[in-house]
Amino acid sequence: MIDLWPIMSVVIIATIVLVGIIAIWVIVKNLRSGFVLKDERTQRIAGKAAIAALVIGMYFMLALSFIYIASHAFLGYYPFDAGDALIASVLVQSVLFGSLFWYFGRRGER
């Protein structure tokens, strides 16, 4: 079997560097145009998105824990590795925060 870890680690590092370069480029572009990066509205939206993502993420982690414990108790095996659950939890909370921040920003003041 082919060991894909060296290839995937290069892809992961390249993705991180690419996202960092794009983020720095957007920040510098906004600073040069005079666009305010953080104002009261943006901070309020980020706070609402963070709280909602945290609460939904906690319920997601509770559901994962329940599935993990119940499947071992009733079926006799673990359906997934604990590392997979941790990665899934981080991804769910990150995607939720990004999408809720975008949604609350587009929705306007309500």
PDB file of N, CA and C in Angstrom:
ATOM      1  N   MET A   1       0.836  -1.179   0.000  1.00  0.00           N
ATOM      2  CA  MET A   1       0.000   0.000   0.000  1.00  0.00           C
ATOM      3  C   MET A   1       0.881   1.242   0.000  1.00  0.00           C
ATOM      4  N   ILE A   2       0.467   2.244  -0.721  1.00  0.00           N
ATOM      5  CA  ILE A   2       1.235   3.480  -0.850  1.00  0.00           C
ATOM      6  C   ILE A   2       1.016   4.334   0.389  1.00  0.00           C
ATOM      7  N   ASP A   3       2.114   4.872   0.912  1.00  0.00           N
ATOM      8  CA  ASP A   3       2.024   5.757   2.077  1.00  0.00           C
ATOM      9  C   ASP A   3       1.719   7.174   1.581  1.00  0.00           C
ATOM     10  N   LEU A   4       0.528   7.649   1.865  1.00  0.00           N
ATOM     11  CA  LEU A   4       0.100   8.954   1.384  1.00  0.00           C
ATOM     12  C   LEU A   4       0.428  10.095   2.334  1.00  0.00           C
ATOM     13  N   TRP A   5       0.937   9.778   3.518  1.00  0.00           N
ATOM     14  CA  TRP A   5       1.162  10.825   4.517  1.00  0.00           C
ATOM     15  C   TRP A   5       2.132  11.905   4.033  1.00  0.00           C
ATOM     16  N   PRO A   6       3.270  11.585   3.401  1.00  0.00           N
ATOM     17  CA  PRO A   6       4.154  12.671   2.935  1.00  0.00           C
ATOM     18  C   PRO A   6       3.481  13.586   1.911  1.00  0.00           C
ATOM     19  N   ILE A   7       2.690  13.007   1.033  1.00  0.00           N
ATOM     20  CA  ILE A   7       1.996  13.817   0.027  1.00  0.00           C
ATOM     21  C   ILE A   7       0.942  14.694   0.686  1.00  0.00           C
ATOM     22  N   MET A   8       0.171  14.119   1.605  1.00  0.00           N
ATOM     23  CA  MET A   8      -0.890  14.880   2.263  1.00  0.00           C
ATOM     24  C   MET A   8      -0.315  15.978   3.159  1.00  0.00           C
ATOM     25  N   SER A   9       0.830  15.713   3.795  1.00  0.00           N
ATOM     26  CA  SER A   9       1.416  16.753   4.643  1.00  0.00           C
ATOM     27  C   SER A   9       1.869  17.942   3.801  1.00  0.00           C
ATOM     28  N   VAL A  10       2.388  17.695   2.611  1.00  0.00           N
ATOM     29  CA  VAL A  10       2.770  18.793   1.718  1.00  0.00           C
ATOM     30  C   VAL A  10       1.523  19.554   1.278  1.00  0.00           C
ATOM     31  N   VAL A  11       0.445  18.847   0.970  1.00  0.00           N
ATOM     32  CA  VAL A  11      -0.805  19.500   0.566  1.00  0.00           C
ATOM     33  C   VAL A  11      -1.371  20.336   1.707  1.00  0.00           C
ATOM     34  N   ILE A  12      -1.317  19.819   2.924  1.00  0.00           N
ATOM     35  CA  ILE A  12      -1.826  20.564   4.086  1.00  0.00           C
ATOM     36  C   ILE A  12      -1.004  21.820   4.314  1.00  0.00           C
ATOM     37  N   ILE A  13       0.304  21.704   4.266  1.00  0.00           N
ATOM     38  CA  ILE A  13       1.171  22.866   4.467  1.00  0.00           C
ATOM     39  C   ILE A  13       0.941  23.898   3.367  1.00  0.00           C
ATOM     40  N   ALA A  14       0.818  23.454   2.124  1.00  0.00           N
ATOM     41  CA  ALA A  14       0.568  24.381   1.017  1.00  0.00           C
ATOM     42  C   ALA A  14      -0.772  25.088   1.183  1.00  0.00           C
ATOM     43  N   THR A  15      -1.773  24.376   1.649  1.00  0.00           N
ATOM     44  CA  THR A  15      -3.091  24.988   1.875  1.00  0.00           C
ATOM     45  C   THR A  15      -3.018  26.037   2.974  1.00  0.00           C
ATOM     46  N   ILE A  16      -2.325  25.734   4.060  1.00  0.00           N
ATOM     47  CA  ILE A  16      -2.183  26.700   5.160  1.00  0.00           C
ATOM     48  C   ILE A  16      -1.459  27.949   4.685  1.00  0.00           C
ATOM     49  N   VAL A  17      -0.381  27.766   3.931  1.00  0.00           N
ATOM     50  CA  VAL A  17       0.371  28.919   3.418  1.00  0.00           C
ATOM     51  C   VAL A  17      -0.486  29.728   2.453  1.00  0.00           C
ATOM     52  N   LEU A  18      -1.230  29.076   1.581  1.00  0.00           N
ATOM     53  CA  LEU A  18      -2.085  29.780   0.627  1.00  0.00           C
ATOM     54  C   LEU A  18      -3.177  30.583   1.331  1.00  0.00           C
ATOM     55  N   VAL A  19      -3.816  29.984   2.322  1.00  0.00           N
ATOM     56  CA  VAL A  19      -4.852  30.709   3.079  1.00  0.00           C
ATOM     57  C   VAL A  19      -4.237  31.898   3.817  1.00  0.00           C
ATOM     58  N   GLY A  20      -3.059  31.730   4.377  1.00  0.00           N
ATOM     59  CA  GLY A  20      -2.378  32.833   5.062  1.00  0.00           C
ATOM     60  C   GLY A  20      -2.040  33.965   4.115  1.00  0.00           C
ATOM     61  N   ILE A  21      -1.541  33.634   2.928  1.00  0.00           N
ATOM     62  CA  ILE A  21      -1.202  34.667   1.948  1.00  0.00           C
ATOM     63  C   ILE A  21      -2.450  35.418   1.506  1.00  0.00           C
ATOM     64  N   ILE A  22      -3.535  34.706   1.257  1.00  0.00           N
ATOM     65  CA  ILE A  22      -4.785  35.360   0.846  1.00  0.00           C
ATOM     66  C   ILE A  22      -5.318  36.254   1.966  1.00  0.00           C
ATOM     67  N   ALA A  23      -5.259  35.775   3.222  1.00  0.00           N
ATOM     68  CA  ALA A  23      -5.743  36.580   4.346  1.00  0.00           C
ATOM     69  C   ALA A  23      -4.914  37.852   4.508  1.00  0.00           C
ATOM     70  N   ILE A  24      -3.604  37.744   4.412  1.00  0.00           N
ATOM     71  CA  ILE A  24      -2.746  38.928   4.534  1.00  0.00           C
ATOM     72  C   ILE A  24      -2.987  39.885   3.370  1.00  0.00           C
ATOM     73  N   TRP A  25      -3.180  39.348   2.165  1.00  0.00           N
ATOM     74  CA  TRP A  25      -3.442  40.190   0.998  1.00  0.00           C
ATOM     75  C   TRP A  25      -4.749  40.975   1.172  1.00  0.00           C
ATOM     76  N   VAL A  26      -5.790  40.320   1.675  1.00  0.00           N
ATOM     77  CA  VAL A  26      -7.076  40.999   1.889  1.00  0.00           C
ATOM     78  C   VAL A  26      -6.936  42.082   2.959  1.00  0.00           C
ATOM     79  N   ILE A  27      -6.225  41.797   4.033  1.00  0.00           N
ATOM     80  CA  ILE A  27      -6.044  42.781   5.105  1.00  0.00           C
ATOM     81  C   ILE A  27      -5.278  43.987   4.591  1.00  0.00           C
ATOM     82  N   VAL A  28      -4.184  43.766   3.866  1.00  0.00           N
ATOM     83  CA  VAL A  28      -3.391  44.877   3.336  1.00  0.00           C
ATOM     84  C   VAL A  28      -4.210  45.683   2.329  1.00  0.00           C
ATOM     85  N   LYS A  29      -4.980  44.999   1.490  1.00  0.00           N
ATOM     86  CA  LYS A  29      -5.816  45.703   0.506  1.00  0.00           C
ATOM     87  C   LYS A  29      -6.855  46.585   1.203  1.00  0.00           C
ATOM     88  N   ASN A  30      -7.473  46.065   2.267  1.00  0.00           N
ATOM     89  CA  ASN A  30      -8.467  46.843   3.001  1.00  0.00           C
ATOM     90  C   ASN A  30      -7.832  48.009   3.751  1.00  0.00           C
ATOM     91  N   LEU A  31      -6.634  47.811   4.287  1.00  0.00           N
ATOM     92  CA  LEU A  31      -5.957  48.904   4.982  1.00  0.00           C
ATOM     93  C   LEU A  31      -5.579  50.020   4.012  1.00  0.00           C
ATOM     94  N   ARG A  32      -5.119  49.664   2.833  1.00  0.00           N
ATOM     95  CA  ARG A  32      -4.742  50.674   1.837  1.00  0.00           C
ATOM     96  C   ARG A  32      -5.949  51.437   1.312  1.00  0.00           C
ATOM     97  N   SER A  33      -7.103  50.790   1.251  1.00  0.00           N
ATOM     98  CA  SER A  33      -8.296  51.471   0.756  1.00  0.00           C
ATOM     99  C   SER A  33      -8.963  52.323   1.823  1.00  0.00           C
ATOM    100  N   GLY A  34      -8.508  52.207   3.073  1.00  0.00           N
ATOM    101  CA  GLY A  34      -9.094  52.986   4.154  1.00  0.00           C
ATOM    102  C   GLY A  34     -10.296  52.317   4.789  1.00  0.00           C
ATOM    103  N   PHE A  35     -10.546  51.075   4.472  1.00  0.00           N
ATOM    104  CA  PHE A  35     -11.680  50.338   5.027  1.00  0.00           C
ATOM    105  C   PHE A  35     -11.385  49.966   6.479  1.00  0.00           C
ATOM    106  N   VAL A  36     -12.328  50.230   7.359  1.00  0.00           N
ATOM    107  CA  VAL A  36     -12.163  49.903   8.765  1.00  0.00           C
ATOM    108  C   VAL A  36     -12.291  48.393   8.944  1.00  0.00           C
ATOM    109  N   LEU A  37     -11.291  47.780   9.569  1.00  0.00           N
ATOM    110  CA  LEU A  37     -11.308  46.323   9.722  1.00  0.00           C
ATOM    111  C   LEU A  37     -12.274  45.864  10.805  1.00  0.00           C
ATOM    112  N   LYS A  38     -12.303  46.557  11.929  1.00  0.00           N
ATOM    113  CA  LYS A  38     -13.183  46.146  13.022  1.00  0.00           C
ATOM    114  C   LYS A  38     -13.926  47.374  13.544  1.00  0.00           C
ATOM    115  N   ASP A  39     -15.214  47.339  13.447  1.00  0.00           N
ATOM    116  CA  ASP A  39     -16.034  48.364  14.061  1.00  0.00           C
ATOM    117  C   ASP A  39     -16.985  47.690  15.038  1.00  0.00           C
ATOM    118  N   GLU A  40     -17.878  48.472  15.633  1.00  0.00           N
ATOM    119  CA  GLU A  40     -18.782  47.915  16.647  1.00  0.00           C
ATOM    120  C   GLU A  40     -19.718  46.864  16.058  1.00  0.00           C
ATOM    121  N   ARG A  41     -20.200  47.115  14.858  1.00  0.00           N
ATOM    122  CA  ARG A  41     -21.124  46.158  14.226  1.00  0.00           C
ATOM    123  C   ARG A  41     -20.424  44.830  13.940  1.00  0.00           C
ATOM    124  N   THR A  42     -19.210  44.890  13.422  1.00  0.00           N
ATOM    125  CA  THR A  42     -18.467  43.672  13.116  1.00  0.00           C
ATOM    126  C   THR A  42     -18.164  42.890  14.392  1.00  0.00           C
ATOM    127  N   GLN A  43     -17.807  43.586  15.453  1.00  0.00           N
ATOM    128  CA  GLN A  43     -17.538  42.898  16.720  1.00  0.00           C
ATOM    129  C   GLN A  43     -18.798  42.257  17.282  1.00  0.00           C
ATOM    130  N   ARG A  44     -19.933  42.933  17.160  1.00  0.00           N
ATOM    131  CA  ARG A  44     -21.199  42.374  17.641  1.00  0.00           C
ATOM    132  C   ARG A  44     -21.594  41.143  16.825  1.00  0.00           C
ATOM    133  N   ILE A  45     -21.410  41.212  15.510  1.00  0.00           N
ATOM    134  CA  ILE A  45     -21.728  40.067  14.653  1.00  0.00           C
ATOM    135  C   ILE A  45     -20.812  38.895  14.973  1.00  0.00           C
ATOM    136  N   ALA A  46     -19.520  39.174  15.159  1.00  0.00           N
ATOM    137  CA  ALA A  46     -18.574  38.100  15.500  1.00  0.00           C
ATOM    138  C   ALA A  46     -18.929  37.478  16.845  1.00  0.00           C
ATOM    139  N   GLY A  47     -19.364  38.279  17.800  1.00  0.00           N
ATOM    140  CA  GLY A  47     -19.764  37.751  19.101  1.00  0.00           C
ATOM    141  C   GLY A  47     -20.994  36.858  19.008  1.00  0.00           C
ATOM    142  N   LYS A  48     -22.000  37.308  18.243  1.00  0.00           N
ATOM    143  CA  LYS A  48     -23.197  36.481  18.072  1.00  0.00           C
ATOM    144  C   LYS A  48     -22.871  35.170  17.371  1.00  0.00           C
ATOM    145  N   ALA A  49     -22.027  35.246  16.337  1.00  0.00           N
ATOM    146  CA  ALA A  49     -21.654  34.040  15.593  1.00  0.00           C
ATOM    147  C   ALA A  49     -20.836  33.087  16.465  1.00  0.00           C
ATOM    148  N   ALA A  50     -19.947  33.642  17.286  1.00  0.00           N
ATOM    149  CA  ALA A  50     -19.118  32.803  18.157  1.00  0.00           C
ATOM    150  C   ALA A  50     -19.957  32.093  19.208  1.00  0.00           C
ATOM    151  N   ILE A  51     -20.887  32.804  19.815  1.00  0.00           N
ATOM    152  CA  ILE A  51     -21.739  32.187  20.838  1.00  0.00           C
ATOM    153  C   ILE A  51     -22.615  31.099  20.228  1.00  0.00           C
ATOM    154  N   ALA A  52     -23.220  31.377  19.076  1.00  0.00           N
ATOM    155  CA  ALA A  52     -24.076  30.377  18.428  1.00  0.00           C
ATOM    156  C   ALA A  52     -23.266  29.156  18.000  1.00  0.00           C
ATOM    157  N   ALA A  53     -22.068  29.374  17.445  1.00  0.00           N
ATOM    158  CA  ALA A  53     -21.223  28.252  17.027  1.00  0.00           C
ATOM    159  C   ALA A  53     -20.766  27.437  18.232  1.00  0.00           C
ATOM    160  N   LEU A  54     -20.484  28.093  19.331  1.00  0.00           N
ATOM    161  CA  LEU A  54     -20.068  27.386  20.542  1.00  0.00           C
ATOM    162  C   LEU A  54     -21.196  26.516  21.083  1.00  0.00           C
ATOM    163  N   VAL A  55     -22.396  27.065  21.156  1.00  0.00           N
ATOM    164  CA  VAL A  55     -23.533  26.308  21.692  1.00  0.00           C
ATOM    165  C   VAL A  55     -23.874  25.127  20.782  1.00  0.00           C
ATOM    166  N   ILE A  56     -23.959  25.368  19.474  1.00  0.00           N
ATOM    167  CA  ILE A  56     -24.271  24.276  18.545  1.00  0.00           C
ATOM    168  C   ILE A  56     -23.154  23.244  18.556  1.00  0.00           C
ATOM    169  N   GLY A  57     -21.897  23.696  18.634  1.00  0.00           N
ATOM    170  CA  GLY A  57     -20.768  22.775  18.703  1.00  0.00           C
ATOM    171  C   GLY A  57     -20.785  21.917  19.955  1.00  0.00           C
ATOM    172  N   MET A  58     -21.209  22.495  21.081  1.00  0.00           N
ATOM    173  CA  MET A  58     -21.308  21.700  22.311  1.00  0.00           C
ATOM    174  C   MET A  58     -22.373  20.617  22.174  1.00  0.00           C
ATOM    175  N   TYR A  59     -23.507  20.951  21.573  1.00  0.00           N
ATOM    176  CA  TYR A  59     -24.534  19.931  21.356  1.00  0.00           C
ATOM    177  C   TYR A  59     -24.040  18.855  20.391  1.00  0.00           C
ATOM    178  N   PHE A  60     -23.267  19.252  19.378  1.00  0.00           N
ATOM    179  CA  PHE A  60     -22.693  18.283  18.454  1.00  0.00           C
ATOM    180  C   PHE A  60     -21.743  17.336  19.197  1.00  0.00           C
ATOM    181  N   MET A  61     -20.906  17.891  20.075  1.00  0.00           N
ATOM    182  CA  MET A  61     -19.977  17.054  20.837  1.00  0.00           C
ATOM    183  C   MET A  61     -20.709  16.142  21.815  1.00  0.00           C
ATOM    184  N   LEU A  62     -21.797  16.637  22.404  1.00  0.00           N
ATOM    185  CA  LEU A  62     -22.608  15.785  23.279  1.00  0.00           C
ATOM    186  C   LEU A  62     -23.229  14.637  22.497  1.00  0.00           C
ATOM    187  N   ALA A  63     -23.712  14.914  21.294  1.00  0.00           N
ATOM    188  CA  ALA A  63     -24.286  13.863  20.456  1.00  0.00           C
ATOM    189  C   ALA A  63     -23.226  12.841  20.066  1.00  0.00           C
ATOM    190  N   LEU A  64     -22.026  13.309  19.722  1.00  0.00           N
ATOM    191  CA  LEU A  64     -20.939  12.389  19.404  1.00  0.00           C
ATOM    192  C   LEU A  64     -20.580  11.516  20.600  1.00  0.00           C
ATOM    193  N   SER A  65     -20.539  12.119  21.776  1.00  0.00           N
ATOM    194  CA  SER A  65     -20.235  11.354  22.988  1.00  0.00           C
ATOM    195  C   SER A  65     -21.305  10.312  23.269  1.00  0.00           C
ATOM    196  N   PHE A  66     -22.565  10.695  23.108  1.00  0.00           N
ATOM    197  CA  PHE A  66     -23.655   9.754  23.328  1.00  0.00           C
ATOM    198  C   PHE A  66     -23.572   8.588  22.351  1.00  0.00           C
ATOM    199  N   ILE A  67     -23.321   8.891  21.071  1.00  0.00           N
ATOM    200  CA  ILE A  67     -23.188   7.825  20.074  1.00  0.00           C
ATOM    201  C   ILE A  67     -22.024   6.917  20.418  1.00  0.00           C
ATOM    202  N   TYR A  68     -20.919   7.499  20.839  1.00  0.00           N
ATOM    203  CA  TYR A  68     -19.719   6.739  21.181  1.00  0.00           C
ATOM    204  C   TYR A  68     -19.981   5.789  22.346  1.00  0.00           C
ATOM    205  N   ILE A  69     -20.612   6.301  23.398  1.00  0.00           N
ATOM    206  CA  ILE A  69     -20.884   5.491  24.592  1.00  0.00           C
ATOM    207  C   ILE A  69     -21.982   4.466  24.325  1.00  0.00           C
ATOM    208  N   ALA A  70     -23.071   4.900  23.669  1.00  0.00           N
ATOM    209  CA  ALA A  70     -24.193   3.995  23.424  1.00  0.00           C
ATOM    210  C   ALA A  70     -23.817   2.866  22.468  1.00  0.00           C
ATOM    211  N   SER A  71     -23.015   3.157  21.461  1.00  0.00           N
ATOM    212  CA  SER A  71     -22.647   2.088  20.536  1.00  0.00           C
ATOM    213  C   SER A  71     -21.741   1.061  21.210  1.00  0.00           C
ATOM    214  N   HIS A  72     -20.893   1.515  22.114  1.00  0.00           N
ATOM    215  CA  HIS A  72     -20.054   0.545  22.829  1.00  0.00           C
ATOM    216  C   HIS A  72     -20.888  -0.275  23.814  1.00  0.00           C
ATOM    217  N   ALA A  73     -21.859   0.372  24.443  1.00  0.00           N
ATOM    218  CA  ALA A  73     -22.675  -0.335  25.431  1.00  0.00           C
ATOM    219  C   ALA A  73     -23.628  -1.333  24.763  1.00  0.00           C
ATOM    220  N   PHE A  74     -24.245  -0.949  23.651  1.00  0.00           N
ATOM    221  CA  PHE A  74     -25.260  -1.801  23.033  1.00  0.00           C
ATOM    222  C   PHE A  74     -24.732  -2.691  21.905  1.00  0.00           C
ATOM    223  N   LEU A  75     -23.756  -2.198  21.163  1.00  0.00           N
ATOM    224  CA  LEU A  75     -23.249  -2.957  20.022  1.00  0.00           C
ATOM    225  C   LEU A  75     -21.908  -3.633  20.308  1.00  0.00           C
ATOM    226  N   GLY A  76     -21.200  -3.147  21.312  1.00  0.00           N
ATOM    227  CA  GLY A  76     -19.938  -3.766  21.694  1.00  0.00           C
ATOM    228  C   GLY A  76     -18.717  -3.263  20.947  1.00  0.00           C
ATOM    229  N   TYR A  77     -18.833  -2.219  20.170  1.00  0.00           N
ATOM    230  CA  TYR A  77     -17.666  -1.666  19.484  1.00  0.00           C
ATOM    231  C   TYR A  77     -17.815  -0.147  19.375  1.00  0.00           C
ATOM    232  N   TYR A  78     -16.680   0.502  19.127  1.00  0.00           N
ATOM    233  CA  TYR A  78     -16.676   1.948  18.947  1.00  0.00           C
ATOM    234  C   TYR A  78     -16.816   2.263  17.462  1.00  0.00           C
ATOM    235  N   PRO A  79     -17.744   3.128  17.084  1.00  0.00           N
ATOM    236  CA  PRO A  79     -17.974   3.384  15.654  1.00  0.00           C
ATOM    237  C   PRO A  79     -16.905   4.261  15.005  1.00  0.00           C
ATOM    238  N   PHE A  80     -16.175   5.027  15.808  1.00  0.00           N
ATOM    239  CA  PHE A  80     -15.147   5.907  15.263  1.00  0.00           C
ATOM    240  C   PHE A  80     -14.076   6.121  16.325  1.00  0.00           C
ATOM    241  N   ASP A  81     -12.953   6.617  15.877  1.00  0.00           N
ATOM    242  CA  ASP A  81     -11.835   6.891  16.761  1.00  0.00           C
ATOM    243  C   ASP A  81     -12.062   8.230  17.470  1.00  0.00           C
ATOM    244  N   ALA A  82     -11.490   8.384  18.644  1.00  0.00           N
ATOM    245  CA  ALA A  82     -11.649   9.639  19.380  1.00  0.00           C
ATOM    246  C   ALA A  82     -11.012  10.801  18.627  1.00  0.00           C
ATOM    247  N   GLY A  83      -9.929  10.544  17.909  1.00  0.00           N
ATOM    248  CA  GLY A  83      -9.298  11.593  17.109  1.00  0.00           C
ATOM    249  C   GLY A  83     -10.204  12.071  15.991  1.00  0.00           C
ATOM    250  N   ASP A  84     -10.945  11.148  15.388  1.00  0.00           N
ATOM    251  CA  ASP A  84     -11.897  11.534  14.345  1.00  0.00           C
ATOM    252  C   ASP A  84     -13.003  12.422  14.912  1.00  0.00           C
ATOM    253  N   ALA A  85     -13.441  12.119  16.107  1.00  0.00           N
ATOM    254  CA  ALA A  85     -14.477  12.930  16.749  1.00  0.00           C
ATOM    255  C   ALA A  85     -13.954  14.329  17.054  1.00  0.00           C
ATOM    256  N   LEU A  86     -12.701  14.420  17.489  1.00  0.00           N
ATOM    257  CA  LEU A  86     -12.111  15.723  17.774  1.00  0.00           C
ATOM    258  C   LEU A  86     -11.983  16.552  16.501  1.00  0.00           C
ATOM    259  N   ILE A  87     -11.518  15.941  15.438  1.00  0.00           N
ATOM    260  CA  ILE A  87     -11.382  16.646  14.163  1.00  0.00           C
ATOM    261  C   ILE A  87     -12.757  17.091  13.654  1.00  0.00           C
ATOM    262  N   ALA A  88     -13.747  16.214  13.768  1.00  0.00           N
ATOM    263  CA  ALA A  88     -15.101  16.576  13.331  1.00  0.00           C
ATOM    264  C   ALA A  88     -15.648  17.739  14.148  1.00  0.00           C
ATOM    265  N   SER A  89     -15.405  17.746  15.455  1.00  0.00           N
ATOM    266  CA  SER A  89     -15.889  18.830  16.309  1.00  0.00           C
ATOM    267  C   SER A  89     -15.251  20.159  15.934  1.00  0.00           C
ATOM    268  N   VAL A  90     -13.951  20.160  15.706  1.00  0.00           N
ATOM    269  CA  VAL A  90     -13.256  21.391  15.318  1.00  0.00           C
ATOM    270  C   VAL A  90     -13.763  21.886  13.972  1.00  0.00           C
ATOM    271  N   LEU A  91     -13.942  20.974  13.019  1.00  0.00           N
ATOM    272  CA  LEU A  91     -14.447  21.375  11.704  1.00  0.00           C
ATOM    273  C   LEU A  91     -15.861  21.930  11.782  1.00  0.00           C
ATOM    274  N   VAL A  92     -16.718  21.270  12.562  1.00  0.00           N
ATOM    275  CA  VAL A  92     -18.104  21.738  12.687  1.00  0.00           C
ATOM    276  C   VAL A  92     -18.129  23.135  13.291  1.00  0.00           C
ATOM    277  N   GLN A  93     -17.381  23.363  14.366  1.00  0.00           N
ATOM    278  CA  GLN A  93     -17.404  24.681  14.989  1.00  0.00           C
ATOM    279  C   GLN A  93     -16.793  25.745  14.085  1.00  0.00           C
ATOM    280  N   SER A  94     -15.741  25.422  13.369  1.00  0.00           N
ATOM    281  CA  SER A  94     -15.108  26.403  12.485  1.00  0.00           C
ATOM    282  C   SER A  94     -16.028  26.769  11.323  1.00  0.00           C
ATOM    283  N   VAL A  95     -16.617  25.773  10.692  1.00  0.00           N
ATOM    284  CA  VAL A  95     -17.519  26.035   9.568  1.00  0.00           C
ATOM    285  C   VAL A  95     -18.762  26.773  10.052  1.00  0.00           C
ATOM    286  N   LEU A  96     -19.268  26.395  11.213  1.00  0.00           N
ATOM    287  CA  LEU A  96     -20.428  27.101  11.770  1.00  0.00           C
ATOM    288  C   LEU A  96     -20.112  28.565  12.035  1.00  0.00           C
ATOM    289  N   PHE A  97     -18.954  28.841  12.641  1.00  0.00           N
ATOM    290  CA  PHE A  97     -18.609  30.232  12.924  1.00  0.00           C
ATOM    291  C   PHE A  97     -18.497  31.031  11.634  1.00  0.00           C
ATOM    292  N   GLY A  98     -17.805  30.487  10.646  1.00  0.00           N
ATOM    293  CA  GLY A  98     -17.659  31.207   9.384  1.00  0.00           C
ATOM    294  C   GLY A  98     -18.980  31.452   8.683  1.00  0.00           C
ATOM    295  N   SER A  99     -19.820  30.442   8.639  1.00  0.00           N
ATOM    296  CA  SER A  99     -21.102  30.605   7.952  1.00  0.00           C
ATOM    297  C   SER A  99     -22.056  31.507   8.735  1.00  0.00           C
ATOM    298  N   LEU A 100     -22.052  31.411  10.067  1.00  0.00           N
ATOM    299  CA  LEU A 100     -22.914  32.299  10.853  1.00  0.00           C
ATOM    300  C   LEU A 100     -22.424  33.744  10.804  1.00  0.00           C
ATOM    301  N   PHE A 101     -21.116  33.954  10.807  1.00  0.00           N
ATOM    302  CA  PHE A 101     -20.577  35.312  10.671  1.00  0.00           C
ATOM    303  C   PHE A 101     -20.993  35.905   9.332  1.00  0.00           C
ATOM    304  N   TRP A 102     -20.901  35.102   8.270  1.00  0.00           N
ATOM    305  CA  TRP A 102     -21.331  35.568   6.959  1.00  0.00           C
ATOM    306  C   TRP A 102     -22.828  35.851   6.942  1.00  0.00           C
ATOM    307  N   TYR A 103     -23.629  34.945   7.522  1.00  0.00           N
ATOM    308  CA  TYR A 103     -25.082  35.094   7.523  1.00  0.00           C
ATOM    309  C   TYR A 103     -25.513  36.328   8.321  1.00  0.00           C
ATOM    310  N   PHE A 104     -24.958  36.485   9.520  1.00  0.00           N
ATOM    311  CA  PHE A 104     -25.333  37.637  10.332  1.00  0.00           C
ATOM    312  C   PHE A 104     -24.868  38.939   9.685  1.00  0.00           C
ATOM    313  N   GLY A 105     -23.761  38.917   8.976  1.00  0.00           N
ATOM    314  CA  GLY A 105     -23.300  40.110   8.273  1.00  0.00           C
ATOM    315  C   GLY A 105     -24.187  40.473   7.096  1.00  0.00           C
ATOM    316  N   ARG A 106     -24.697  39.476   6.399  1.00  0.00           N
ATOM    317  CA  ARG A 106     -25.568  39.716   5.254  1.00  0.00           C
ATOM    318  C   ARG A 106     -26.997  40.067   5.673  1.00  0.00           C
ATOM    319  N   ARG A 107     -27.423  39.516   6.808  1.00  0.00           N
ATOM    320  CA  ARG A 107     -28.797  39.670   7.238  1.00  0.00           C
ATOM    321  C   ARG A 107     -29.115  41.109   7.621  1.00  0.00           C
ATOM    322  N   GLY A 108     -28.128  41.833   8.139  1.00  0.00           N
ATOM    323  CA  GLY A 108     -28.367  43.196   8.556  1.00  0.00           C
ATOM    324  C   GLY A 108     -28.747  43.270  10.023  1.00  0.00           C
ATOM    325  N   GLU A 109     -29.160  44.428  10.444  1.00  0.00           N
ATOM    326  CA  GLU A 109     -29.508  44.652  11.851  1.00  0.00           C
ATOM    327  C   GLU A 109     -30.920  44.184  12.146  1.00  0.00           C
ATOM    328  N   ARG A 110     -31.035  43.246  13.061  1.00  0.00           N
ATOM    329  CA  ARG A 110     -32.358  42.745  13.484  1.00  0.00           C
ATOM    330  C   ARG A 110     -32.326  42.474  14.942  1.00  0.00           C
TER     331      ARG A 110
END
